[in-house]
Amino acid sequence: MESIGAKLQGLREEQGLSVEQVARDTHITRRYIEALESEDFDTFPGESYLLGFLRTYAEYLGLDSQEIVNLYRNIKLQEQPPPIDELIVRRRSGPVVLTVFLILLIGGVAFGLYYLIDTGVIRFSRPDAGTELVVPTASVYAFESGILERRFQQYDAVEIPVHDATYTVMFARIEDAVTIETQYGSHAIDERSEMVVDINNDGRGDIRILVREIVRGAEPPAVVVRFDRTIESPVGVGVPESAEPDPVPEAVGSTNRPDRVRDTVVLFESPARRAVPVSLRFDAPAMFRYETDGEGRSEAYYESGQTASSVFEESIRFWVSNAGSVTMQVQRPDGTDVAVSLGAPGAATAGFLTWTESDRVQRLELRPMY
């Protein structure tokens, strides 16, 4: 029987392809490519994923994927013991009568089964010739800016450009911890923990990965993760802020990127300060975190179509992973709403709404945080 692994490896080498190149082009991690070539099929989490990767790799090399899958199934069939060996009781010697009785018994059972199948009493359902094994789908996301935060499913992947090459990070396993795989190895990250990962194997950290939440009970398994190209720890991650509101409402922090500089915006004026209702509508998935009047932080992941609301007396701080996905409405004293734009799609942004006083007039302002 022809070896699948030898066939794949030989054709790859004939085409002058390295394992790294195949991994980049097919989005199959190096570990699984090497497992296919060495026929280490137990490495895969399930046969459906093995067959999916096998089809993809075969088509990439220009092979007939169905022929390769049939070859794999024939190999698995040959590894199983023949059923007749389990039915026949082997004895060194025995009476001739017992031997004849066993032969007649087996013949009778075989004839009975043939009769029942031929008459349609017993039916075996067979898959159609064109039926394909359904392989769980996985998505590949492009890391195009400084931050990417969203919900990922098991086997999803993120393509991250580093210098002149693009590398893939795959969510190989989501359980009590999240196992990610790159072309050079795997890493396990606990929930609410972060890790700086070297994805191009040059000895330097390339991307910071923060596991915000493992979504319990999701099928397929899912997780909310933040990818951040900034290697320094982001301000405020895991560090509680002061419960007291800032006495001077100024922009928090600073930025050296001109494209991120934003001005303070006056939303409306009022003779006196009052409670301000705020409503949010999410048009795309996003992580949203906010703190109302310095009384503790709330954080949740929102899907497209979901809404949220809050009311504050003095100020509300907020952070959103996908600014363009959120429509914010701030209610004026007369009951009408002011629409607030938080930023561009895919951009992470932070800011706060706060009351200020100018010439004895109260102003509600939107101020940036960096």
Protein backbone atom coordinates (compact mmCIF):
# COMPACT_ATOMS: atom_id res chain seq x y z
CA MET A 1 0.00 0.00 0.00
CA GLU A 2 1.35 3.39 -1.00
CA SER A 3 2.29 5.68 1.89
CA ILE A 4 0.29 8.91 2.12
CA GLY A 5 2.99 10.70 4.06
CA ALA A 6 5.75 9.74 1.64
CA LYS A 7 3.58 10.84 -1.29
CA LEU A 8 2.88 14.26 0.25
CA GLN A 9 6.43 14.86 1.38
CA GLY A 10 7.95 13.68 -1.90
CA LEU A 11 5.72 15.91 -4.02
CA ARG A 12 6.36 18.89 -1.74
CA GLU A 13 10.11 18.43 -2.05
CA GLU A 14 9.85 17.97 -5.82
CA GLN A 15 8.14 21.34 -6.03
CA GLY A 16 10.87 22.93 -3.92
CA LEU A 17 8.48 23.88 -1.11
CA SER A 18 9.45 24.13 2.54
CA VAL A 19 7.10 23.21 5.37
CA GLU A 20 7.06 26.89 6.38
CA GLN A 21 5.95 27.94 2.90
CA VAL A 22 3.17 25.36 2.87
CA ALA A 23 2.02 26.53 6.31
CA ARG A 24 1.84 30.14 5.12
CA ASP A 25 -0.03 29.31 1.92
CA THR A 26 -2.53 26.79 3.33
CA HIS A 27 -2.97 28.21 6.88
CA ILE A 28 -2.26 24.71 8.22
CA THR A 29 0.17 24.92 11.09
CA ARG A 30 3.59 23.30 10.75
CA ARG A 31 2.74 20.74 13.42
CA TYR A 32 -0.15 19.32 11.41
CA ILE A 33 1.76 19.35 8.10
CA GLU A 34 4.54 17.32 9.68
CA ALA A 35 1.94 14.99 11.25
CA LEU A 36 0.41 14.32 7.81
CA GLU A 37 3.80 13.60 6.27
CA SER A 38 4.80 11.27 9.11
CA GLU A 39 1.30 9.74 9.23
CA ASP A 40 1.01 10.59 12.91
CA PHE A 41 -2.78 10.78 12.66
CA ASP A 42 -3.32 10.69 16.44
CA THR A 43 -2.00 14.27 16.59
CA PHE A 44 -5.26 15.62 15.17
CA PRO A 45 -8.16 16.48 17.52
CA GLY A 46 -10.60 14.51 15.37
CA GLU A 47 -10.88 12.67 12.07
CA SER A 48 -13.01 15.40 10.51
CA TYR A 49 -10.21 17.93 11.00
CA LEU A 50 -7.62 15.43 9.76
CA LEU A 51 -9.59 14.85 6.56
CA GLY A 52 -10.12 18.58 6.09
CA PHE A 53 -6.39 19.30 6.38
CA LEU A 54 -5.59 16.29 4.19
CA ARG A 55 -7.88 17.56 1.43
CA THR A 56 -6.43 21.05 1.63
CA TYR A 57 -2.82 19.86 1.53
CA ALA A 58 -3.51 17.42 -1.35
CA GLU A 59 -5.20 20.10 -3.46
CA TYR A 60 -2.39 22.55 -2.72
CA LEU A 61 0.13 20.04 -4.12
CA GLY A 62 -2.03 19.41 -7.18
CA LEU A 63 -3.24 15.95 -6.14
CA ASP A 64 -6.74 14.50 -6.37
CA SER A 65 -7.98 15.14 -2.82
CA GLN A 66 -10.68 12.44 -3.00
CA GLU A 67 -8.11 9.86 -4.10
CA ILE A 68 -5.88 10.75 -1.14
CA VAL A 69 -8.82 10.53 1.27
CA ASN A 70 -9.77 7.10 -0.13
CA LEU A 71 -6.17 5.99 0.30
CA TYR A 72 -6.28 7.08 3.96
CA ARG A 73 -9.54 5.18 4.53
CA ASN A 74 -8.10 2.02 2.96
CA ILE A 75 -5.11 2.24 5.30
CA LYS A 76 -7.41 2.56 8.31
CA LEU A 77 -9.46 -0.43 7.14
CA GLN A 78 -6.35 -2.59 6.84
CA GLU A 79 -5.38 -1.69 10.40
CA GLN A 80 -8.61 -3.24 11.71
CA PRO A 81 -8.61 -6.98 12.54
CA PRO A 82 -10.73 -9.17 10.21
CA PRO A 83 -14.17 -9.74 11.79
CA ILE A 84 -14.00 -13.51 11.13
CA ASP A 85 -11.07 -13.78 13.55
CA GLU A 86 -13.34 -12.55 16.31
CA LEU A 87 -16.11 -15.01 15.49
CA ILE A 88 -14.08 -18.21 15.15
CA VAL A 89 -13.07 -19.86 18.39
CA ARG A 90 -9.67 -21.41 17.76
CA ARG A 91 -8.97 -24.73 19.47
CA ARG A 92 -6.05 -27.08 19.11
CA SER A 93 -8.31 -30.11 18.85
CA GLY A 94 -11.92 -31.06 19.33
CA PRO A 95 -14.58 -33.54 18.40
CA VAL A 96 -15.51 -33.72 14.72
CA VAL A 97 -19.19 -33.40 15.61
CA LEU A 98 -18.65 -30.05 17.31
CA THR A 99 -16.73 -28.79 14.29
CA VAL A 100 -19.51 -29.81 11.91
CA PHE A 101 -22.10 -28.21 14.21
CA LEU A 102 -20.23 -24.90 14.23
CA ILE A 103 -19.93 -24.92 10.43
CA LEU A 104 -23.65 -25.55 10.05
CA LEU A 105 -24.49 -22.87 12.63
CA ILE A 106 -22.37 -20.22 10.90
CA GLY A 107 -23.78 -21.22 7.52
CA GLY A 108 -27.30 -20.95 8.83
CA VAL A 109 -26.71 -17.51 10.33
CA ALA A 110 -25.12 -16.31 7.10
CA PHE A 111 -28.03 -17.63 5.00
CA GLY A 112 -30.53 -16.00 7.36
CA LEU A 113 -28.83 -12.63 7.15
CA TYR A 114 -28.66 -12.89 3.36
CA TYR A 115 -32.38 -13.67 3.19
CA LEU A 116 -33.34 -10.77 5.48
CA ILE A 117 -31.20 -8.28 3.54
CA ASP A 118 -32.39 -9.58 0.14
CA THR A 119 -36.04 -9.26 1.14
CA GLY A 120 -35.54 -5.77 2.54
CA VAL A 121 -36.25 -6.63 6.17
CA ILE A 122 -32.81 -5.32 7.11
CA ARG A 123 -31.50 -2.26 5.32
CA PHE A 124 -28.08 -0.65 5.54
CA SER A 125 -28.00 3.05 4.73
CA ARG A 126 -25.10 4.03 2.53
CA PRO A 127 -23.92 7.58 1.95
CA ASP A 128 -24.32 8.96 -1.53
CA ALA A 129 -21.23 8.86 -3.69
CA GLY A 130 -21.12 12.62 -3.80
CA THR A 131 -21.53 13.13 -0.06
CA GLU A 132 -18.60 14.97 1.45
CA LEU A 133 -17.60 14.89 5.08
CA VAL A 134 -18.62 18.15 6.72
CA VAL A 135 -15.55 19.78 8.21
CA PRO A 136 -16.13 22.50 10.84
CA THR A 137 -15.45 25.86 9.26
CA ALA A 138 -12.72 28.16 10.42
CA SER A 139 -12.09 31.79 9.57
CA VAL A 140 -8.86 33.61 8.86
CA TYR A 141 -8.62 37.25 9.98
CA ALA A 142 -6.11 39.82 8.79
CA PHE A 143 -4.27 41.87 11.40
CA GLU A 144 -4.21 45.23 9.62
CA SER A 145 -3.79 47.77 12.42
CA GLY A 146 -2.15 48.10 15.82
CA ILE A 147 -4.95 46.31 17.69
CA LEU A 148 -7.40 43.52 16.87
CA GLU A 149 -9.95 42.39 19.43
CA ARG A 150 -12.89 40.14 18.74
CA ARG A 151 -14.46 36.77 19.42
CA PHE A 152 -12.69 33.79 17.85
CA GLN A 153 -13.73 30.16 17.50
CA GLN A 154 -11.53 27.11 17.81
CA TYR A 155 -9.37 26.67 14.68
CA ASP A 156 -9.80 30.30 13.62
CA ALA A 157 -6.55 31.95 12.60
CA VAL A 158 -5.06 35.45 12.45
CA GLU A 159 -2.56 36.48 9.79
CA ILE A 160 -0.02 38.92 11.22
CA PRO A 161 2.51 40.77 9.03
CA VAL A 162 6.00 41.06 10.50
CA HIS A 163 8.57 42.91 8.40
CA ASP A 164 8.21 41.52 4.84
CA ALA A 165 6.44 38.26 5.70
CA THR A 166 3.04 37.19 7.05
CA TYR A 167 2.71 34.65 9.86
CA THR A 168 -0.32 32.75 11.07
CA VAL A 169 -1.51 32.31 14.65
CA MET A 170 -4.19 29.62 15.05
CA PHE A 171 -6.48 28.91 18.00
CA ALA A 172 -5.67 25.20 18.21
CA ARG A 173 -7.54 24.43 21.43
CA ILE A 174 -9.95 26.36 23.67
CA GLU A 175 -10.57 24.71 27.02
CA ASP A 176 -9.68 25.99 30.50
CA ALA A 177 -6.78 27.73 28.77
CA VAL A 178 -6.29 28.81 25.17
CA THR A 179 -3.64 27.04 23.10
CA ILE A 180 -2.37 29.03 20.15
CA GLU A 181 -0.07 27.65 17.48
CA THR A 182 2.42 29.37 15.24
CA GLN A 183 4.70 27.89 12.63
CA TYR A 184 7.38 27.51 15.32
CA GLY A 185 5.48 26.12 18.28
CA SER A 186 2.47 26.33 20.56
CA HIS A 187 1.67 28.44 23.63
CA ALA A 188 -0.99 28.08 26.33
CA ILE A 189 -2.52 31.27 27.77
CA ASP A 190 -4.88 31.30 30.74
CA GLU A 191 -8.05 33.36 30.86
CA ARG A 192 -7.42 37.03 31.74
CA SER A 193 -3.72 36.52 31.13
CA GLU A 194 -1.44 37.80 28.41
CA MET A 195 1.72 36.69 26.64
CA VAL A 196 4.22 38.29 24.28
CA VAL A 197 4.78 35.84 21.42
CA ASP A 198 7.68 35.57 18.99
CA ILE A 199 5.88 34.47 15.81
CA ASN A 200 8.79 34.67 13.35
CA ASN A 201 11.36 32.87 15.51
CA ASP A 202 13.89 35.71 15.58
CA GLY A 203 14.18 35.74 19.37
CA ARG A 204 12.15 38.93 19.84
CA GLY A 205 8.51 39.39 20.85
CA ASP A 206 6.27 40.44 17.98
CA ILE A 207 2.72 40.54 19.33
CA ARG A 208 1.01 40.77 22.71
CA ILE A 209 -1.94 38.38 23.07
CA LEU A 210 -4.45 38.95 25.86
CA VAL A 211 -7.14 36.34 26.59
CA ARG A 212 -10.02 38.39 27.95
CA GLU A 213 -12.73 35.76 28.22
CA ILE A 214 -13.23 32.07 27.46
CA VAL A 215 -16.87 31.74 26.39
CA ARG A 216 -18.17 28.86 28.49
CA GLY A 217 -20.57 26.43 26.84
CA ALA A 218 -20.05 27.79 23.32
CA GLU A 219 -20.13 25.30 20.46
CA PRO A 220 -17.73 25.37 18.80
CA PRO A 221 -15.50 26.61 21.64
CA ALA A 222 -14.96 30.38 21.55
CA VAL A 223 -12.81 33.03 23.20
CA VAL A 224 -12.46 36.82 23.22
CA VAL A 225 -8.86 37.78 22.54
CA ARG A 226 -6.97 41.02 21.98
CA PHE A 227 -3.93 41.18 19.69
CA ASP A 228 -1.75 44.23 20.35
CA ARG A 229 1.39 45.09 18.44
CA THR A 230 2.47 47.36 21.31
CA ILE A 231 4.78 45.18 23.35
CA GLU A 232 4.68 47.41 26.44
CA SER A 233 1.81 46.51 28.76
CA PRO A 234 -1.28 48.53 27.86
CA VAL A 235 -2.32 51.06 30.48
CA GLY A 236 -5.06 49.84 32.76
CA VAL A 237 -5.04 46.12 31.89
CA GLY A 238 -5.71 44.33 35.14
CA VAL A 239 -4.98 47.46 37.19
CA PRO A 240 -7.94 49.00 39.04
CA GLU A 241 -8.30 52.76 38.63
CA SER A 242 -9.02 55.19 41.41
CA ALA A 243 -12.62 55.28 42.59
CA GLU A 244 -12.46 59.08 42.70
CA PRO A 245 -13.30 60.96 39.49
CA ASP A 246 -10.58 63.17 38.07
CA PRO A 247 -10.78 66.68 39.58
CA VAL A 248 -9.57 68.27 36.32
CA PRO A 249 -11.27 66.90 33.20
CA GLU A 250 -8.31 66.76 30.83
CA ALA A 251 -7.40 64.32 28.11
CA VAL A 252 -5.84 61.25 29.75
CA GLY A 253 -2.37 60.35 28.55
CA SER A 254 -0.83 61.42 25.28
CA THR A 255 -0.09 60.06 21.83
CA ASN A 256 2.70 60.55 19.33
CA ARG A 257 0.55 59.40 16.44
CA PRO A 258 -1.10 62.34 14.67
CA ASP A 259 -3.85 60.11 13.27
CA ARG A 260 -5.06 59.38 16.81
CA VAL A 261 -5.19 62.95 18.08
CA ARG A 262 -8.77 64.03 18.80
CA ASP A 263 -10.18 67.30 20.09
CA THR A 264 -12.59 67.81 22.96
CA VAL A 265 -16.19 68.07 21.72
CA VAL A 266 -18.94 70.03 23.53
CA LEU A 267 -22.14 68.00 23.17
CA PHE A 268 -24.54 70.46 24.83
CA GLU A 269 -24.92 73.06 27.60
CA SER A 270 -27.27 73.16 30.57
CA PRO A 271 -28.00 75.61 33.43
CA ALA A 272 -27.31 72.84 35.93
CA ARG A 273 -25.77 69.43 36.00
CA ARG A 274 -28.12 66.48 35.73
CA ALA A 275 -28.11 62.73 35.26
CA VAL A 276 -27.33 61.86 31.65
CA PRO A 277 -28.69 58.70 29.98
CA VAL A 278 -26.43 57.07 27.38
CA SER A 279 -27.49 54.34 24.96
CA LEU A 280 -25.38 52.19 22.65
CA ARG A 281 -26.20 50.15 19.58
CA PHE A 282 -23.66 47.68 18.16
CA ASP A 283 -23.63 47.18 14.38
CA ALA A 284 -20.71 44.73 14.52
CA PRO A 285 -19.03 42.61 17.24
CA ALA A 286 -17.02 44.62 19.77
CA MET A 287 -15.69 44.55 23.31
CA PHE A 288 -16.98 47.51 25.35
CA ARG A 289 -15.75 48.54 28.80
CA TYR A 290 -17.01 51.48 30.85
CA GLU A 291 -16.85 53.02 34.30
CA THR A 292 -19.67 55.23 35.60
CA ASP A 293 -18.88 57.96 38.17
CA GLY A 294 -15.81 56.03 39.30
CA GLU A 295 -17.93 53.23 40.82
CA GLY A 296 -16.35 50.16 39.29
CA ARG A 297 -15.81 48.82 35.82
CA SER A 298 -18.22 46.88 33.62
CA GLU A 299 -17.04 44.94 30.60
CA ALA A 300 -18.79 42.72 28.05
CA TYR A 301 -18.54 41.43 24.50
CA TYR A 302 -21.43 42.52 22.27
CA GLU A 303 -22.62 40.94 19.05
CA SER A 304 -24.09 42.81 16.10
CA GLY A 305 -27.62 44.07 16.88
CA GLN A 306 -27.19 44.15 20.66
CA THR A 307 -27.72 47.31 22.74
CA ALA A 308 -26.57 48.65 26.09
CA SER A 309 -27.36 51.68 28.25
CA SER A 310 -26.18 53.52 31.33
CA VAL A 311 -26.81 56.71 33.32
CA PHE A 312 -24.13 58.87 34.90
CA GLU A 313 -24.13 61.91 37.19
CA GLU A 314 -20.63 63.34 36.73
CA SER A 315 -18.70 61.32 34.15
CA ILE A 316 -18.44 58.05 32.31
CA ARG A 317 -15.19 56.56 30.98
CA PHE A 318 -15.33 54.07 28.14
CA TRP A 319 -13.14 51.92 25.92
CA VAL A 320 -14.23 50.06 22.76
CA SER A 321 -12.31 47.60 20.58
CA ASN A 322 -14.13 48.48 17.34
CA ALA A 323 -15.10 52.15 17.41
CA GLY A 324 -16.93 52.12 14.09
CA SER A 325 -19.26 49.37 15.26
CA VAL A 326 -20.89 51.47 17.99
CA THR A 327 -23.55 54.15 17.70
CA MET A 328 -23.69 56.22 20.90
CA GLN A 329 -26.70 58.39 21.78
CA VAL A 330 -26.46 60.93 24.61
CA GLN A 331 -29.73 62.42 25.88
CA ARG A 332 -30.06 66.23 26.15
CA PRO A 333 -32.04 67.92 28.98
CA ASP A 334 -35.01 68.40 26.58
CA GLY A 335 -35.19 64.66 25.90
CA THR A 336 -33.66 64.69 22.42
CA ASP A 337 -30.51 62.73 21.60
CA VAL A 338 -27.05 63.70 20.40
CA ALA A 339 -25.38 61.13 18.13
CA VAL A 340 -21.71 60.65 19.02
CA SER A 341 -19.17 59.16 16.59
CA LEU A 342 -16.49 57.19 18.42
CA GLY A 343 -14.13 56.44 15.53
CA ALA A 344 -13.43 54.37 12.45
CA PRO A 345 -14.31 50.68 11.93
CA GLY A 346 -11.71 48.36 13.42
CA ALA A 347 -10.06 51.10 15.47
CA ALA A 348 -9.78 50.79 19.25
CA THR A 349 -10.55 54.01 21.07
CA ALA A 350 -11.15 55.36 24.56
CA GLY A 351 -12.68 58.51 25.95
CA PHE A 352 -14.97 59.93 28.58
CA LEU A 353 -18.04 62.11 28.89
CA THR A 354 -17.86 64.64 31.70
CA TRP A 355 -19.49 67.79 33.00
CA THR A 356 -17.42 70.99 33.07
CA GLU A 357 -18.26 74.56 34.02
CA SER A 358 -17.57 77.67 31.92
CA ASP A 359 -18.98 81.14 32.70
CA ARG A 360 -21.48 79.56 35.10
CA VAL A 361 -22.79 77.33 32.34
CA GLN A 362 -22.54 73.56 32.62
CA ARG A 363 -21.15 71.80 29.55
CA LEU A 364 -21.16 68.13 28.74
CA GLU A 365 -17.95 67.34 26.90
CA LEU A 366 -16.51 64.32 25.11
CA ARG A 367 -12.78 64.08 25.85
CA PRO A 368 -10.23 61.61 24.48
CA MET A 369 -8.12 59.16 26.46
CA TYR A 370 -4.85 57.80 25.08
